[in-house]
Amino acid sequence: MTKLELLSELLVEELHSFKQEVTRLEQIEKNLKKTTITADSTHIEKLIEEHLRKLNAHQTAELENRNKILKLIRHSRNIPNWLTILAFLLFLSQAFAIIYLLLC
């Protein structure tokens, strides 16, 4: 009978510890149900707004640079100045040569 008594005593202890754990878990569950978590996205919204402002500023700066480059391209010459002057000098020298040949 001593083994039966030992087993019953051990079972009673296990049941008691199990009951304590269950009550502890019930208390934790009550505390969890009382706690509320609120989603606060103001910080994320501020970061997104700041990022959008930076993107907008970057985009306007790129647009201004693009317009400056396009203006420079439109006003650029296809023929360099030195080539224009050289062609003019050649034209004048041939004109003088023809006049000289006609007068002589």
C-alpha atoms as a PDB file:
ATOM      1  CA  MET A   1       0.000   0.000   0.000  1.00  0.00           C
ATOM      2  CA  THR A   2       2.877   2.341   0.451  1.00  0.00           C
ATOM      3  CA  LYS A   3       3.464   2.524  -3.279  1.00  0.00           C
ATOM      4  CA  LEU A   4      -0.176   3.327  -3.851  1.00  0.00           C
ATOM      5  CA  GLU A   5       0.003   6.038  -1.206  1.00  0.00           C
ATOM      6  CA  LEU A   6       3.138   7.469  -2.780  1.00  0.00           C
ATOM      7  CA  LEU A   7       1.568   7.494  -6.213  1.00  0.00           C
ATOM      8  CA  SER A   8      -1.589   9.152  -4.930  1.00  0.00           C
ATOM      9  CA  GLU A   9       0.440  11.749  -3.057  1.00  0.00           C
ATOM     10  CA  LEU A  10       2.493  12.484  -6.172  1.00  0.00           C
ATOM     11  CA  LEU A  11      -0.671  12.773  -8.222  1.00  0.00           C
ATOM     12  CA  VAL A  12      -2.168  15.196  -5.704  1.00  0.00           C
ATOM     13  CA  GLU A  13       0.973  17.341  -5.846  1.00  0.00           C
ATOM     14  CA  GLU A  14       0.920  17.360  -9.633  1.00  0.00           C
ATOM     15  CA  LEU A  15      -2.747  18.312  -9.680  1.00  0.00           C
ATOM     16  CA  HIS A  16      -2.107  21.103  -7.207  1.00  0.00           C
ATOM     17  CA  SER A  17       0.801  22.526  -9.250  1.00  0.00           C
ATOM     18  CA  PHE A  18      -1.280  22.167 -12.420  1.00  0.00           C
ATOM     19  CA  LYS A  19      -4.106  24.132 -10.779  1.00  0.00           C
ATOM     20  CA  GLN A  20      -1.658  26.864  -9.757  1.00  0.00           C
ATOM     21  CA  GLU A  21      -0.337  27.119 -13.325  1.00  0.00           C
ATOM     22  CA  VAL A  22      -3.864  27.289 -14.707  1.00  0.00           C
ATOM     23  CA  THR A  23      -4.776  30.136 -12.348  1.00  0.00           C
ATOM     24  CA  ARG A  24      -1.567  31.945 -13.264  1.00  0.00           C
ATOM     25  CA  LEU A  25      -2.341  31.563 -16.974  1.00  0.00           C
ATOM     26  CA  GLU A  26      -5.904  32.785 -16.393  1.00  0.00           C
ATOM     27  CA  GLN A  27      -4.531  35.885 -14.683  1.00  0.00           C
ATOM     28  CA  ILE A  28      -2.159  36.507 -17.581  1.00  0.00           C
ATOM     29  CA  GLU A  29      -5.042  36.088 -20.016  1.00  0.00           C
ATOM     30  CA  LYS A  30      -7.121  38.665 -18.096  1.00  0.00           C
ATOM     31  CA  ASN A  31      -4.228  41.092 -18.182  1.00  0.00           C
ATOM     32  CA  LEU A  32      -3.785  40.539 -21.916  1.00  0.00           C
ATOM     33  CA  LYS A  33      -7.453  41.168 -22.560  1.00  0.00           C
ATOM     34  CA  LYS A  34      -7.255  44.439 -20.618  1.00  0.00           C
ATOM     35  CA  THR A  35      -4.258  45.697 -22.556  1.00  0.00           C
ATOM     36  CA  THR A  36      -5.017  47.562 -25.724  1.00  0.00           C
ATOM     37  CA  ILE A  37      -2.575  48.318 -28.466  1.00  0.00           C
ATOM     38  CA  THR A  38      -3.186  51.445 -30.485  1.00  0.00           C
ATOM     39  CA  ALA A  39      -1.620  51.831 -33.875  1.00  0.00           C
ATOM     40  CA  ASP A  40       0.138  55.171 -34.091  1.00  0.00           C
ATOM     41  CA  SER A  41       1.303  55.929 -37.582  1.00  0.00           C
ATOM     42  CA  THR A  42       2.048  59.638 -37.203  1.00  0.00           C
ATOM     43  CA  HIS A  43       5.806  59.084 -37.206  1.00  0.00           C
ATOM     44  CA  ILE A  44       5.609  57.005 -40.379  1.00  0.00           C
ATOM     45  CA  GLU A  45       3.358  59.607 -42.007  1.00  0.00           C
ATOM     46  CA  LYS A  46       5.844  62.369 -41.136  1.00  0.00           C
ATOM     47  CA  LEU A  47       8.684  60.344 -42.646  1.00  0.00           C
ATOM     48  CA  ILE A  48       6.691  59.737 -45.819  1.00  0.00           C
ATOM     49  CA  GLU A  49       5.761  63.426 -46.121  1.00  0.00           C
ATOM     50  CA  GLU A  50       9.391  64.454 -45.651  1.00  0.00           C
ATOM     51  CA  HIS A  51      10.497  61.922 -48.248  1.00  0.00           C
ATOM     52  CA  LEU A  52       7.864  63.182 -50.704  1.00  0.00           C
ATOM     53  CA  ARG A  53       8.996  66.775 -50.144  1.00  0.00           C
ATOM     54  CA  LYS A  54      12.597  65.775 -50.850  1.00  0.00           C
ATOM     55  CA  LEU A  55      11.524  63.908 -53.977  1.00  0.00           C
ATOM     56  CA  ASN A  56       9.534  66.903 -55.169  1.00  0.00           C
ATOM     57  CA  ALA A  57      12.481  69.261 -54.588  1.00  0.00           C
ATOM     58  CA  HIS A  58      14.803  66.851 -56.384  1.00  0.00           C
ATOM     59  CA  GLN A  59      12.384  66.570 -59.282  1.00  0.00           C
ATOM     60  CA  THR A  60      12.057  70.346 -59.667  1.00  0.00           C
ATOM     61  CA  ALA A  61      15.853  70.729 -59.554  1.00  0.00           C
ATOM     62  CA  GLU A  62      16.238  68.080 -62.257  1.00  0.00           C
ATOM     63  CA  LEU A  63      13.558  69.782 -64.360  1.00  0.00           C
ATOM     64  CA  GLU A  64      15.370  73.122 -64.071  1.00  0.00           C
ATOM     65  CA  ASN A  65      18.679  71.506 -65.034  1.00  0.00           C
ATOM     66  CA  ARG A  66      17.015  69.779 -67.966  1.00  0.00           C
ATOM     67  CA  ASN A  67      15.506  73.068 -69.166  1.00  0.00           C
ATOM     68  CA  LYS A  68      18.905  74.795 -68.890  1.00  0.00           C
ATOM     69  CA  ILE A  69      20.567  72.042 -70.896  1.00  0.00           C
ATOM     70  CA  LEU A  70      17.840  72.120 -73.554  1.00  0.00           C
ATOM     71  CA  LYS A  71      18.182  75.922 -73.787  1.00  0.00           C
ATOM     72  CA  LEU A  72      21.940  75.589 -74.246  1.00  0.00           C
ATOM     73  CA  ILE A  73      21.425  72.950 -76.929  1.00  0.00           C
ATOM     74  CA  ARG A  74      18.891  75.096 -78.781  1.00  0.00           C
ATOM     75  CA  HIS A  75      21.194  78.116 -78.766  1.00  0.00           C
ATOM     76  CA  SER A  76      24.329  76.213 -79.652  1.00  0.00           C
ATOM     77  CA  ARG A  77      25.806  76.482 -83.119  1.00  0.00           C
ATOM     78  CA  ASN A  78      26.441  73.582 -85.392  1.00  0.00           C
ATOM     79  CA  ILE A  79      29.366  75.370 -87.054  1.00  0.00           C
ATOM     80  CA  PRO A  80      32.216  76.617 -84.837  1.00  0.00           C
ATOM     81  CA  ASN A  81      33.247  80.287 -84.995  1.00  0.00           C
ATOM     82  CA  TRP A  82      36.737  79.572 -86.331  1.00  0.00           C
ATOM     83  CA  LEU A  83      35.288  77.656 -89.286  1.00  0.00           C
ATOM     84  CA  THR A  84      32.926  80.520 -90.129  1.00  0.00           C
ATOM     85  CA  ILE A  85      35.800  83.029 -90.060  1.00  0.00           C
ATOM     86  CA  LEU A  86      37.981  80.744 -92.209  1.00  0.00           C
ATOM     87  CA  ALA A  87      35.224  80.311 -94.815  1.00  0.00           C
ATOM     88  CA  PHE A  88      34.679  84.072 -94.886  1.00  0.00           C
ATOM     89  CA  LEU A  89      38.403  84.688 -95.395  1.00  0.00           C
ATOM     90  CA  LEU A  90      38.544  82.118 -98.205  1.00  0.00           C
ATOM     91  CA  PHE A  91      35.542  83.738 -99.861  1.00  0.00           C
ATOM     92  CA  LEU A  92      37.183  87.191 -99.636  1.00  0.00           C
ATOM     93  CA  SER A  93      40.491  85.911-101.000  1.00  0.00           C
ATOM     94  CA  GLN A  94      38.759  84.274-103.977  1.00  0.00           C
ATOM     95  CA  ALA A  95      36.735  87.427-104.592  1.00  0.00           C
ATOM     96  CA  PHE A  96      39.947  89.508-104.614  1.00  0.00           C
ATOM     97  CA  ALA A  97      41.598  86.954-106.882  1.00  0.00           C
ATOM     98  CA  ILE A  98      38.726  87.125-109.383  1.00  0.00           C
ATOM     99  CA  ILE A  99      38.674  90.925-109.287  1.00  0.00           C
ATOM    100  CA  TYR A 100      42.438  91.021-109.767  1.00  0.00           C
ATOM    101  CA  LEU A 101      42.219  88.651-112.741  1.00  0.00           C
ATOM    102  CA  LEU A 102      39.411  90.664-114.294  1.00  0.00           C
ATOM    103  CA  LEU A 103      41.237  93.960-113.930  1.00  0.00           C
ATOM    104  CA  CYS A 104      44.600  92.804-115.183  1.00  0.00           C
END
